C-alpha atoms as a PDB file:
ATOM      1  CA  MET A   1     -17.063 -24.242  32.343  1.00  0.00           C
ATOM      2  CA  GLY A   2     -13.546 -25.650  32.268  1.00  0.00           C
ATOM      3  CA  GLN A   3     -10.642 -23.955  30.614  1.00  0.00           C
ATOM      4  CA  THR A   4      -9.618 -25.202  27.214  1.00  0.00           C
ATOM      5  CA  GLU A   5      -6.009 -25.510  26.193  1.00  0.00           C
ATOM      6  CA  PRO A   6      -4.893 -23.164  23.436  1.00  0.00           C
ATOM      7  CA  ILE A   7      -4.477 -24.729  20.028  1.00  0.00           C
ATOM      8  CA  PHE A   8      -1.121 -23.010  19.591  1.00  0.00           C
ATOM      9  CA  ASP A   9       1.211 -22.314  22.448  1.00  0.00           C
ATOM     10  CA  VAL A  10       2.695 -18.839  21.970  1.00  0.00           C
ATOM     11  CA  SER A  11       4.996 -17.773  24.770  1.00  0.00           C
ATOM     12  CA  PRO A  12       5.727 -14.216  25.853  1.00  0.00           C
ATOM     13  CA  GLY A  13       9.226 -14.793  24.465  1.00  0.00           C
ATOM     14  CA  ASP A  14       7.746 -15.627  21.053  1.00  0.00           C
ATOM     15  CA  ILE A  15       5.855 -12.333  21.129  1.00  0.00           C
ATOM     16  CA  ASP A  16       8.970 -10.442  22.214  1.00  0.00           C
ATOM     17  CA  ARG A  17      10.972 -11.966  19.329  1.00  0.00           C
ATOM     18  CA  ALA A  18       8.275 -11.022  16.804  1.00  0.00           C
ATOM     19  CA  LEU A  19       8.256  -7.446  18.086  1.00  0.00           C
ATOM     20  CA  ALA A  20      12.052  -7.294  18.116  1.00  0.00           C
ATOM     21  CA  ALA A  21      12.144  -8.467  14.494  1.00  0.00           C
ATOM     22  CA  CYS A  22      10.122  -5.348  13.639  1.00  0.00           C
ATOM     23  CA  ASP A  23      12.181  -3.019  15.858  1.00  0.00           C
ATOM     24  CA  GLY A  24       9.435  -2.885  18.478  1.00  0.00           C
ATOM     25  CA  ASP A  25       6.867  -1.457  16.054  1.00  0.00           C
ATOM     26  CA  ALA A  26       3.581  -3.180  16.957  1.00  0.00           C
ATOM     27  CA  ARG A  27       1.831  -2.152  13.725  1.00  0.00           C
ATOM     28  CA  ALA A  28       4.726  -3.471  11.622  1.00  0.00           C
ATOM     29  CA  THR A  29       4.670  -6.716  13.623  1.00  0.00           C
ATOM     30  CA  ILE A  30       0.935  -7.187  13.071  1.00  0.00           C
ATOM     31  CA  ARG A  31       1.342  -6.378   9.379  1.00  0.00           C
ATOM     32  CA  ALA A  32       4.172  -8.915   9.025  1.00  0.00           C
ATOM     33  CA  LEU A  33       2.137 -11.600  10.796  1.00  0.00           C
ATOM     34  CA  LEU A  34      -0.938 -10.909   8.644  1.00  0.00           C
ATOM     35  CA  ILE A  35       1.166 -11.108   5.476  1.00  0.00           C
ATOM     36  CA  ALA A  36       2.750 -14.376   6.626  1.00  0.00           C
ATOM     37  CA  ASN A  37      -0.702 -15.775   7.448  1.00  0.00           C
ATOM     38  CA  ALA A  38      -2.064 -14.765   4.035  1.00  0.00           C
ATOM     39  CA  MET A  39       0.898 -16.403   2.308  1.00  0.00           C
ATOM     40  CA  LEU A  40       0.346 -19.639   4.249  1.00  0.00           C
ATOM     41  CA  GLU A  41      -3.378 -19.592   3.453  1.00  0.00           C
ATOM     42  CA  ARG A  42      -2.631 -19.065  -0.233  1.00  0.00           C
ATOM     43  CA  ALA A  43      -0.112 -21.924  -0.234  1.00  0.00           C
ATOM     44  CA  LEU A  44      -2.581 -24.259   1.495  1.00  0.00           C
ATOM     45  CA  THR A  45      -5.387 -23.265  -0.848  1.00  0.00           C
ATOM     46  CA  GLY A  46      -3.108 -23.902  -3.836  1.00  0.00           C
ATOM     47  CA  GLU A  47      -2.220 -27.333  -2.488  1.00  0.00           C
ATOM     48  CA  ARG A  48      -5.904 -28.173  -1.990  1.00  0.00           C
ATOM     49  CA  VAL A  49      -6.801 -27.006  -5.490  1.00  0.00           C
ATOM     50  CA  ALA A  50      -3.946 -29.009  -7.000  1.00  0.00           C
ATOM     51  CA  ALA A  51      -5.031 -32.109  -5.075  1.00  0.00           C
ATOM     52  CA  LEU A  52      -8.627 -31.724  -6.233  1.00  0.00           C
ATOM     53  CA  GLN A  53      -7.570 -31.147  -9.833  1.00  0.00           C
ATOM     54  CA  SER A  54      -5.401 -34.250  -9.827  1.00  0.00           C
ATOM     55  CA  ARG A  55      -8.377 -36.311  -8.642  1.00  0.00           C
ATOM     56  CA  ARG A  56     -10.723 -34.925 -11.285  1.00  0.00           C
ATOM     57  CA  ARG A  57      -8.347 -35.105 -14.233  1.00  0.00           C
ATOM     58  CA  PRO A  58      -9.742 -37.569 -16.759  1.00  0.00           C
ATOM     59  CA  SER A  59      -7.540 -40.350 -17.966  1.00  0.00           C
ATOM     60  CA  ARG A  60      -6.033 -39.770 -21.399  1.00  0.00           C
ATOM     61  CA  ARG A  61      -5.698 -43.475 -22.150  1.00  0.00           C
ATOM     62  CA  GLN A  62      -7.552 -44.639 -25.234  1.00  0.00           C
END
């Protein structure tokens, strides 16, 4: 089987910067990344819900 390219390119420098932002604490880094991911998921879910609601909203014209 051939190798697949990663969807996201994360360099060792990116990892080093994330760890440095949390003073080298790996658990704090993972926690921060999980929180950021959850916030992004919530924002995307909210956008999807808003888009669906705007499509389903009945017209108030009479």
